[in-house]
C-alpha atoms as a PDB file:
ATOM      1  CA  MET A   1      58.743 -39.334  11.275  1.00  0.00           C
ATOM      2  CA  ALA A   2      56.636 -41.711  13.523  1.00  0.00           C
ATOM      3  CA  PRO A   3      53.193 -42.446  12.192  1.00  0.00           C
ATOM      4  CA  ASP A   4      51.488 -40.957  15.458  1.00  0.00           C
ATOM      5  CA  VAL A   5      53.664 -37.582  14.727  1.00  0.00           C
ATOM      6  CA  ASN A   6      52.407 -37.898  11.069  1.00  0.00           C
ATOM      7  CA  ARG A   7      48.801 -38.292  12.111  1.00  0.00           C
ATOM      8  CA  ALA A   8      48.872 -35.173  14.782  1.00  0.00           C
ATOM      9  CA  ALA A   9      50.458 -33.005  12.099  1.00  0.00           C
ATOM     10  CA  GLN A  10      47.664 -33.979   9.595  1.00  0.00           C
ATOM     11  CA  ARG A  11      45.180 -33.193  12.365  1.00  0.00           C
ATOM     12  CA  ARG A  12      46.415 -29.958  12.989  1.00  0.00           C
ATOM     13  CA  GLY A  13      46.530 -29.250   9.166  1.00  0.00           C
ATOM     14  CA  ILE A  14      43.068 -30.044   9.044  1.00  0.00           C
ATOM     15  CA  ARG A  15      41.831 -27.987  12.177  1.00  0.00           C
ATOM     16  CA  ARG A  16      43.673 -25.052  10.363  1.00  0.00           C
ATOM     17  CA  THR A  17      42.221 -25.206   7.121  1.00  0.00           C
ATOM     18  CA  VAL A  18      38.681 -25.877   8.761  1.00  0.00           C
ATOM     19  CA  ALA A  19      39.235 -22.618  10.928  1.00  0.00           C
ATOM     20  CA  ILE A  20      40.107 -20.651   7.884  1.00  0.00           C
ATOM     21  CA  LEU A  21      37.092 -21.677   5.980  1.00  0.00           C
ATOM     22  CA  VAL A  22      34.926 -20.969   8.993  1.00  0.00           C
ATOM     23  CA  THR A  23      36.274 -17.490   9.073  1.00  0.00           C
ATOM     24  CA  ILE A  24      35.916 -16.822   5.496  1.00  0.00           C
ATOM     25  CA  VAL A  25      32.324 -18.018   5.583  1.00  0.00           C
ATOM     26  CA  ALA A  26      31.747 -15.910   8.484  1.00  0.00           C
ATOM     27  CA  LEU A  27      33.081 -12.866   6.789  1.00  0.00           C
ATOM     28  CA  VAL A  28      31.229 -13.496   3.524  1.00  0.00           C
ATOM     29  CA  ILE A  29      28.092 -13.669   5.897  1.00  0.00           C
ATOM     30  CA  GLY A  30      28.867 -10.700   7.725  1.00  0.00           C
ATOM     31  CA  LEU A  31      29.462  -8.586   4.948  1.00  0.00           C
ATOM     32  CA  GLN A  32      26.248  -9.414   3.396  1.00  0.00           C
ATOM     33  CA  VAL A  33      24.283  -8.779   6.623  1.00  0.00           C
ATOM     34  CA  TYR A  34      26.015  -5.320   6.764  1.00  0.00           C
ATOM     35  CA  LYS A  35      25.177  -4.748   3.453  1.00  0.00           C
ATOM     36  CA  VAL A  36      21.500  -5.274   3.819  1.00  0.00           C
ATOM     37  CA  THR A  37      21.164  -3.601   7.177  1.00  0.00           C
ATOM     38  CA  ARG A  38      23.106  -0.582   5.782  1.00  0.00           C
ATOM     39  CA  GLU A  39      21.106  -0.232   2.664  1.00  0.00           C
ATOM     40  CA  PRO A  40      19.727   3.400   2.716  1.00  0.00           C
ATOM     41  CA  PRO A  41      15.812   3.408   3.133  1.00  0.00           C
ATOM     42  CA  LEU A  42      13.589   4.879   0.351  1.00  0.00           C
ATOM     43  CA  ASP A  43      13.421   8.557   0.919  1.00  0.00           C
ATOM     44  CA  ARG A  44      10.917  10.924  -0.655  1.00  0.00           C
ATOM     45  CA  GLU A  45      12.966  11.741  -3.556  1.00  0.00           C
ATOM     46  CA  ALA A  46      13.614   8.021  -4.553  1.00  0.00           C
ATOM     47  CA  LEU A  47      10.146   7.210  -3.945  1.00  0.00           C
ATOM     48  CA  ARG A  48       8.968  10.141  -6.638  1.00  0.00           C
ATOM     49  CA  GLU A  49      11.269   8.718  -8.813  1.00  0.00           C
ATOM     50  CA  GLN A  50       9.620   5.284  -8.588  1.00  0.00           C
ATOM     51  CA  GLY A  51       5.945   6.665  -8.971  1.00  0.00           C
ATOM     52  CA  THR A  52       5.106   7.265  -5.153  1.00  0.00           C
ATOM     53  CA  VAL A  53       4.423  11.019  -4.206  1.00  0.00           C
ATOM     54  CA  VAL A  54       4.975  11.874  -0.601  1.00  0.00           C
ATOM     55  CA  PHE A  55       4.143  15.333   0.443  1.00  0.00           C
ATOM     56  CA  GLU A  56       6.524  17.199   2.445  1.00  0.00           C
ATOM     57  CA  GLN A  57       3.472  18.737   4.472  1.00  0.00           C
ATOM     58  CA  PRO A  58       0.468  16.549   4.693  1.00  0.00           C
ATOM     59  CA  ARG A  59      -2.911  17.960   3.736  1.00  0.00           C
ATOM     60  CA  ARG A  60      -5.879  18.527   6.088  1.00  0.00           C
ATOM     61  CA  LEU A  61      -9.156  17.441   4.623  1.00  0.00           C
ATOM     62  CA  THR A  62     -12.695  19.119   5.176  1.00  0.00           C
ATOM     63  CA  ASP A  63     -14.909  17.537   7.464  1.00  0.00           C
ATOM     64  CA  PHE A  64     -17.168  15.002   5.633  1.00  0.00           C
ATOM     65  CA  GLU A  65     -20.072  12.728   6.757  1.00  0.00           C
ATOM     66  CA  LEU A  66     -20.614   9.601   4.242  1.00  0.00           C
ATOM     67  CA  VAL A  67     -21.653   5.848   4.487  1.00  0.00           C
ATOM     68  CA  ASN A  68     -19.937   2.707   4.308  1.00  0.00           C
ATOM     69  CA  HIS A  69     -21.145  -0.383   2.444  1.00  0.00           C
ATOM     70  CA  ARG A  70     -22.677  -1.838   5.802  1.00  0.00           C
ATOM     71  CA  GLY A  71     -24.923   1.288   5.853  1.00  0.00           C
ATOM     72  CA  GLU A  72     -22.850   2.776   8.748  1.00  0.00           C
ATOM     73  CA  PRO A  73     -21.728   6.372   8.908  1.00  0.00           C
ATOM     74  CA  PHE A  74     -18.383   7.020   7.603  1.00  0.00           C
ATOM     75  CA  THR A  75     -16.798  10.304   8.187  1.00  0.00           C
ATOM     76  CA  ASP A  76     -13.278  11.935   8.428  1.00  0.00           C
ATOM     77  CA  GLU A  77     -12.874  10.510  11.829  1.00  0.00           C
ATOM     78  CA  ASP A  78     -12.663   7.100  10.387  1.00  0.00           C
ATOM     79  CA  LEU A  79      -9.524   8.058   8.586  1.00  0.00           C
ATOM     80  CA  GLU A  80      -7.765   8.638  12.298  1.00  0.00           C
ATOM     81  CA  GLY A  81      -5.922   6.098  13.971  1.00  0.00           C
ATOM     82  CA  VAL A  82      -4.857   3.958  10.960  1.00  0.00           C
ATOM     83  CA  TRP A  83      -3.328   4.266   7.373  1.00  0.00           C
ATOM     84  CA  THR A  84      -5.771   4.294   4.737  1.00  0.00           C
ATOM     85  CA  LEU A  85      -5.321   3.486   1.274  1.00  0.00           C
ATOM     86  CA  ALA A  86      -8.117   4.816  -0.805  1.00  0.00           C
ATOM     87  CA  PHE A  87      -9.172   4.163  -4.433  1.00  0.00           C
ATOM     88  CA  PHE A  88     -11.707   6.492  -5.983  1.00  0.00           C
ATOM     89  CA  GLY A  89     -13.879   4.387  -8.667  1.00  0.00           C
ATOM     90  CA  PHE A  90     -17.110   3.000  -9.413  1.00  0.00           C
ATOM     91  CA  THR A  91     -18.484  -0.688  -9.671  1.00  0.00           C
ATOM     92  CA  HIS A  92     -19.575  -0.494 -13.185  1.00  0.00           C
ATOM     93  CA  CYS A  93     -15.953   0.517 -14.362  1.00  0.00           C
ATOM     94  CA  PRO A  94     -14.918  -2.092 -16.603  1.00  0.00           C
ATOM     95  CA  ASP A  95     -11.283  -2.248 -16.148  1.00  0.00           C
ATOM     96  CA  ILE A  96      -9.244   0.138 -14.109  1.00  0.00           C
ATOM     97  CA  CYS A  97     -11.459  -0.138 -11.097  1.00  0.00           C
ATOM     98  CA  PRO A  98     -11.502  -3.973 -10.791  1.00  0.00           C
ATOM     99  CA  VAL A  99      -7.781  -4.427 -11.831  1.00  0.00           C
ATOM    100  CA  THR A 100      -6.552  -1.800  -9.148  1.00  0.00           C
ATOM    101  CA  MET A 101      -8.957  -3.468  -6.238  1.00  0.00           C
ATOM    102  CA  ALA A 102      -7.315  -6.935  -7.036  1.00  0.00           C
ATOM    103  CA  GLU A 103      -3.975  -5.329  -6.826  1.00  0.00           C
ATOM    104  CA  LEU A 104      -4.452  -3.768  -3.683  1.00  0.00           C
ATOM    105  CA  SER A 105      -5.826  -7.198  -2.484  1.00  0.00           C
ATOM    106  CA  ARG A 106      -2.426  -8.522  -3.564  1.00  0.00           C
ATOM    107  CA  MET A 107      -0.551  -5.717  -1.888  1.00  0.00           C
ATOM    108  CA  MET A 108      -2.113  -6.582   1.414  1.00  0.00           C
ATOM    109  CA  GLY A 109      -0.951 -10.139   1.332  1.00  0.00           C
ATOM    110  CA  GLU A 110       2.792  -8.618   1.114  1.00  0.00           C
ATOM    111  CA  LEU A 111       2.214  -6.979   4.451  1.00  0.00           C
ATOM    112  CA  SER A 112       3.067  -8.278   7.935  1.00  0.00           C
ATOM    113  CA  ALA A 113      -0.006  -9.182  10.470  1.00  0.00           C
ATOM    114  CA  GLU A 114       1.096  -6.122  12.610  1.00  0.00           C
ATOM    115  CA  ARG A 115       0.780  -3.650   9.480  1.00  0.00           C
ATOM    116  CA  LEU A 116      -2.319  -4.989   8.369  1.00  0.00           C
ATOM    117  CA  ALA A 117      -3.981  -4.555  11.638  1.00  0.00           C
ATOM    118  CA  ASN A 118      -3.089  -0.782  10.930  1.00  0.00           C
ATOM    119  CA  THR A 119      -4.094  -0.500   7.639  1.00  0.00           C
ATOM    120  CA  GLN A 120      -7.694  -0.027   5.833  1.00  0.00           C
ATOM    121  CA  VAL A 121      -8.613  -0.025   2.472  1.00  0.00           C
ATOM    122  CA  LEU A 122     -11.662   1.960   0.639  1.00  0.00           C
ATOM    123  CA  LEU A 123     -13.206   2.129  -2.639  1.00  0.00           C
ATOM    124  CA  VAL A 124     -14.922   5.560  -2.526  1.00  0.00           C
ATOM    125  CA  THR A 125     -17.344   5.592  -5.361  1.00  0.00           C
ATOM    126  CA  LEU A 126     -17.552   8.445  -7.833  1.00  0.00           C
ATOM    127  CA  ASP A 127     -20.822   7.253  -9.010  1.00  0.00           C
ATOM    128  CA  PRO A 128     -23.277   7.582  -5.868  1.00  0.00           C
ATOM    129  CA  ALA A 129     -26.591   7.162  -8.150  1.00  0.00           C
ATOM    130  CA  ARG A 130     -25.713   3.569  -9.048  1.00  0.00           C
ATOM    131  CA  ASP A 131     -23.546   2.681  -6.046  1.00  0.00           C
ATOM    132  CA  THR A 132     -25.673   2.515  -3.144  1.00  0.00           C
ATOM    133  CA  PRO A 133     -24.519   0.586  -0.044  1.00  0.00           C
ATOM    134  CA  GLU A 134     -26.382  -2.639  -0.950  1.00  0.00           C
ATOM    135  CA  VAL A 135     -24.511  -2.597  -4.501  1.00  0.00           C
ATOM    136  CA  LEU A 136     -20.890  -1.701  -2.692  1.00  0.00           C
ATOM    137  CA  ALA A 137     -21.657  -4.730  -0.328  1.00  0.00           C
ATOM    138  CA  GLU A 138     -22.037  -7.259  -3.285  1.00  0.00           C
ATOM    139  CA  TYR A 139     -18.780  -5.693  -4.846  1.00  0.00           C
ATOM    140  CA  VAL A 140     -16.030  -4.683  -2.530  1.00  0.00           C
ATOM    141  CA  PRO A 141     -15.870  -7.773  -0.286  1.00  0.00           C
ATOM    142  CA  HIS A 142     -15.183  -9.731  -3.589  1.00  0.00           C
ATOM    143  CA  PHE A 143     -11.738  -8.497  -3.597  1.00  0.00           C
ATOM    144  CA  HIS A 144     -11.022  -8.596   0.265  1.00  0.00           C
ATOM    145  CA  GLU A 145     -13.185  -9.429   3.194  1.00  0.00           C
ATOM    146  CA  ASP A 146     -11.756  -6.316   4.886  1.00  0.00           C
ATOM    147  CA  PHE A 147     -12.171  -3.612   2.262  1.00  0.00           C
ATOM    148  CA  VAL A 148     -14.777  -0.899   2.707  1.00  0.00           C
ATOM    149  CA  GLY A 149     -16.822   0.759   0.170  1.00  0.00           C
ATOM    150  CA  VAL A 150     -18.098   4.484   0.917  1.00  0.00           C
ATOM    151  CA  THR A 151     -20.887   6.341  -0.893  1.00  0.00           C
ATOM    152  CA  GLY A 152     -23.008   9.341  -0.084  1.00  0.00           C
ATOM    153  CA  GLU A 153     -24.043  12.731  -1.309  1.00  0.00           C
ATOM    154  CA  PHE A 154     -22.626  13.479  -4.581  1.00  0.00           C
ATOM    155  CA  LEU A 155     -21.415  16.965  -3.727  1.00  0.00           C
ATOM    156  CA  THR A 156     -19.694  15.466  -0.516  1.00  0.00           C
ATOM    157  CA  LEU A 157     -17.920  12.804  -2.665  1.00  0.00           C
ATOM    158  CA  LYS A 158     -16.958  15.465  -5.216  1.00  0.00           C
ATOM    159  CA  ARG A 159     -15.286  17.519  -2.690  1.00  0.00           C
ATOM    160  CA  PHE A 160     -13.616  14.514  -0.944  1.00  0.00           C
ATOM    161  CA  ALA A 161     -12.141  13.629  -4.601  1.00  0.00           C
ATOM    162  CA  ASN A 162     -11.086  17.000  -5.306  1.00  0.00           C
ATOM    163  CA  GLU A 163      -9.371  17.425  -1.937  1.00  0.00           C
ATOM    164  CA  ALA A 164      -7.493  14.079  -2.765  1.00  0.00           C
ATOM    165  CA  ASN A 165      -6.720  15.387  -6.283  1.00  0.00           C
ATOM    166  CA  VAL A 166      -8.796  12.677  -8.062  1.00  0.00           C
ATOM    167  CA  ALA A 167     -10.022  14.317 -11.249  1.00  0.00           C
ATOM    168  CA  PHE A 168     -13.312  12.899 -12.681  1.00  0.00           C
ATOM    169  CA  ALA A 169     -16.085  13.590 -15.097  1.00  0.00           C
ATOM    170  CA  LYS A 170     -19.308  11.863 -16.163  1.00  0.00           C
ATOM    171  CA  VAL A 171     -19.391  10.567 -19.908  1.00  0.00           C
ATOM    172  CA  THR A 172     -22.627   9.958 -21.503  1.00  0.00           C
ATOM    173  CA  LEU A 173     -22.886   6.967 -23.860  1.00  0.00           C
ATOM    174  CA  GLU A 174     -25.557   5.456 -25.946  1.00  0.00           C
ATOM    175  CA  GLY A 175     -29.082   6.127 -24.582  1.00  0.00           C
ATOM    176  CA  GLU A 176     -29.235   6.814 -20.919  1.00  0.00           C
ATOM    177  CA  ASP A 177     -26.169   5.023 -20.013  1.00  0.00           C
ATOM    178  CA  TYR A 178     -22.790   6.633 -18.782  1.00  0.00           C
ATOM    179  CA  THR A 179     -19.540   5.793 -17.545  1.00  0.00           C
ATOM    180  CA  ILE A 180     -17.036   7.883 -15.397  1.00  0.00           C
ATOM    181  CA  ASP A 181     -13.450   9.051 -16.450  1.00  0.00           C
ATOM    182  CA  HIS A 182     -11.370   9.271 -13.497  1.00  0.00           C
ATOM    183  CA  GLY A 183      -7.807   9.453 -12.152  1.00  0.00           C
ATOM    184  CA  GLY A 184      -6.250   6.004 -11.421  1.00  0.00           C
ATOM    185  CA  GLN A 185      -4.025   6.873  -8.361  1.00  0.00           C
ATOM    186  CA  VAL A 186      -4.235   5.321  -4.982  1.00  0.00           C
ATOM    187  CA  VAL A 187      -4.276   7.965  -2.278  1.00  0.00           C
ATOM    188  CA  LEU A 188      -2.847   7.373   1.109  1.00  0.00           C
ATOM    189  CA  PHE A 189      -4.174   9.065   4.338  1.00  0.00           C
ATOM    190  CA  ASN A 190      -1.950   9.022   7.435  1.00  0.00           C
ATOM    191  CA  PRO A 191      -3.169   8.123  10.948  1.00  0.00           C
ATOM    192  CA  ARG A 192      -4.058  11.851  11.633  1.00  0.00           C
ATOM    193  CA  GLY A 193      -6.575  11.611   8.672  1.00  0.00           C
ATOM    194  CA  ASP A 194      -4.151  13.930   6.554  1.00  0.00           C
ATOM    195  CA  TYR A 195      -3.656  13.630   2.896  1.00  0.00           C
ATOM    196  CA  HIS A 196      -0.209  12.171   3.083  1.00  0.00           C
ATOM    197  CA  ALA A 197       0.843  10.661  -0.417  1.00  0.00           C
ATOM    198  CA  PHE A 198      -0.362   8.956  -3.575  1.00  0.00           C
ATOM    199  CA  PHE A 199       0.573   5.990  -5.809  1.00  0.00           C
ATOM    200  CA  LYS A 200       0.712   6.256  -9.451  1.00  0.00           C
ATOM    201  CA  PRO A 201      -0.342   3.532 -11.727  1.00  0.00           C
ATOM    202  CA  PRO A 202       0.683   0.964 -12.895  1.00  0.00           C
ATOM    203  CA  PHE A 203       0.802  -0.680  -9.778  1.00  0.00           C
ATOM    204  CA  ASP A 204       3.272  -3.596  -8.663  1.00  0.00           C
ATOM    205  CA  PRO A 205       1.745  -4.866  -5.326  1.00  0.00           C
ATOM    206  CA  ALA A 206       5.248  -5.949  -3.923  1.00  0.00           C
ATOM    207  CA  LYS A 207       6.847  -2.588  -4.863  1.00  0.00           C
ATOM    208  CA  MET A 208       3.715  -0.822  -3.477  1.00  0.00           C
ATOM    209  CA  ALA A 209       4.157  -2.755  -0.175  1.00  0.00           C
ATOM    210  CA  GLU A 210       7.671  -1.804  -0.082  1.00  0.00           C
ATOM    211  CA  HIS A 211       6.776   1.958  -0.478  1.00  0.00           C
ATOM    212  CA  TYR A 212       4.185   1.857   1.875  1.00  0.00           C
ATOM    213  CA  ARG A 213       6.560   0.288   4.588  1.00  0.00           C
ATOM    214  CA  ALA A 214       8.860   2.970   3.771  1.00  0.00           C
ATOM    215  CA  ILE A 215       6.265   5.733   4.274  1.00  0.00           C
ATOM    216  CA  THR A 216       4.886   4.420   7.384  1.00  0.00           C
ATOM    217  CA  GLU A 217       8.109   3.625   8.997  1.00  0.00           C
ATOM    218  CA  ALA A 218       9.457   7.189   8.316  1.00  0.00           C
ATOM    219  CA  PHE A 219       6.187   8.694   9.992  1.00  0.00           C
ATOM    220  CA  PRO A 220       6.628  10.339  13.277  1.00  0.00           C
ATOM    221  CA  HIS A 221       4.934   8.884  16.174  1.00  0.00           C
END
């Protein structure tokens, strides 16, 4: 066989081999994309199994009037138009409160810019006698500059906490000192201002962000 014919045959063989390899790679990539895009979203039952409880029927709140850490009024209307993650705690808390606030800050870092713009995070104090707006203004921005501290009249805060299913009780320590035992869940209010879901501790910021995205994407617009 002439050399030119051999070279032509070799080139055809190489092209055939390359075409087959390209086809195989394309199939592998296509299967991976299909697997990712077809992976079912987290539904209410799957979320519950992983520590996030979403109510079948979100719960309305009683109107309230409180104040934020800037000394501005904070009412139930401030829960409307955005998603709100709220943690009920207090600034003298030695462990669970600062840890949870730090985890919420890290969770915010897992969100897209668009989702961040539609999210607010609250620390609602259960200790208004000590947690004045000035105290909250020193404490809350330490975790994230956009976080909001909320305080006000004790009975209003108590009703707000009760409606969010956050149990708490004052515990007397030595002398006149005291602490507060309280639930550690993070509460989620939807853009209509309704109590929509809650996240159980312990928290993993990346997992929490994934659950939050699933909940917000499933919300009817």
